[in-house]
């Protein structure tokens, strides 16, 4: 299974922890979130990138992490 993981800059540390766990489980991973704590990727850009990967059938699932905990789901509905 191929999984996308997305985060805004404030979710970077959690994304990295989840990413390590998902990789340890043997899944393929595509990281479309912030790449460092200084990377100012915003939640709606990360969510849109993950949603496009799902829409284009490039990944099977996505994990989205943001500081608010609820805002990214709205971007997946669009």
Protein backbone atom coordinates (compact mmCIF):
# COMPACT_ATOMS: atom_id res chain seq x y z
CA UNK A 1 0.00 0.00 0.00
CA UNK A 2 1.19 3.49 -0.83
CA UNK A 3 0.41 6.27 1.64
CA UNK A 4 0.77 10.05 1.35
CA UNK A 5 1.58 12.05 4.46
CA UNK A 6 0.92 15.78 4.66
CA UNK A 7 1.51 18.38 7.33
CA UNK A 8 1.77 22.08 7.78
CA UNK A 9 4.90 23.54 9.35
CA UNK A 10 3.50 23.28 12.88
CA UNK A 11 2.76 19.58 12.42
CA UNK A 12 6.27 18.76 11.19
CA UNK A 13 7.50 16.95 14.33
CA UNK A 14 4.40 14.80 14.60
CA UNK A 15 4.54 14.06 10.87
CA UNK A 16 8.11 12.84 11.21
CA UNK A 17 7.17 10.52 14.08
CA UNK A 18 4.16 9.11 12.20
CA UNK A 19 6.27 8.82 9.06
CA UNK A 20 8.85 6.67 10.87
CA UNK A 21 6.09 4.42 12.20
CA UNK A 22 4.41 4.00 8.80
CA UNK A 23 7.75 3.18 7.15
CA UNK A 24 8.52 0.66 9.92
CA UNK A 25 5.23 -1.06 9.09
CA UNK A 26 6.49 -1.53 5.54
CA UNK A 27 4.29 0.91 3.67
CA UNK A 28 5.52 3.03 0.75
CA UNK A 29 5.30 6.68 1.68
CA UNK A 30 5.03 9.94 -0.25
CA UNK A 31 5.75 13.01 1.90
CA UNK A 32 3.98 16.13 0.63
CA UNK A 33 4.17 18.10 3.86
CA UNK A 34 6.63 20.53 5.38
CA UNK A 35 10.18 19.23 5.03
CA UNK A 36 11.66 21.14 8.00
CA UNK A 37 10.31 23.08 10.97
CA UNK A 38 11.25 26.26 9.11
CA UNK A 39 9.40 25.22 5.93
CA UNK A 40 6.29 27.42 5.94
CA UNK A 41 4.07 24.92 4.11
CA UNK A 42 0.46 25.72 5.01
CA UNK A 43 -2.16 23.10 5.83
CA UNK A 44 -4.30 23.82 2.77
CA UNK A 45 -1.38 23.38 0.38
CA UNK A 46 -0.33 20.10 2.01
CA UNK A 47 -3.92 18.80 2.08
CA UNK A 48 -4.47 19.70 -1.57
CA UNK A 49 -1.26 17.90 -2.59
CA UNK A 50 -2.31 14.75 -0.72
CA UNK A 51 -5.84 14.91 -2.13
CA UNK A 52 -4.47 15.19 -5.68
CA UNK A 53 -2.38 12.06 -5.13
CA UNK A 54 -5.47 10.16 -4.02
CA UNK A 55 -7.57 11.56 -6.87
CA UNK A 56 -4.92 10.54 -9.41
CA UNK A 57 -4.67 7.08 -7.81
CA UNK A 58 -0.96 7.61 -7.08
CA UNK A 59 -1.53 6.64 -3.43
CA UNK A 60 -4.11 4.47 -1.68
CA UNK A 61 -4.50 6.50 1.50
CA UNK A 62 -3.36 9.76 3.08
CA UNK A 63 -2.53 10.96 6.56
CA UNK A 64 -3.01 14.69 7.15
CA UNK A 65 -1.60 16.53 10.17
CA UNK A 66 -2.08 20.19 11.07
CA UNK A 67 -1.89 22.27 14.20
CA UNK A 68 -5.64 22.83 14.45
CA UNK A 69 -6.52 19.17 14.09
CA UNK A 70 -9.67 19.79 12.06
CA UNK A 71 -8.97 22.19 9.23
CA UNK A 72 -7.37 19.79 6.74
CA UNK A 73 -10.46 17.62 6.43
CA UNK A 74 -12.29 20.53 4.81
CA UNK A 75 -9.70 20.64 2.03
CA UNK A 76 -10.22 16.94 1.31
CA UNK A 77 -13.93 17.59 0.76
CA UNK A 78 -13.36 20.20 -1.96
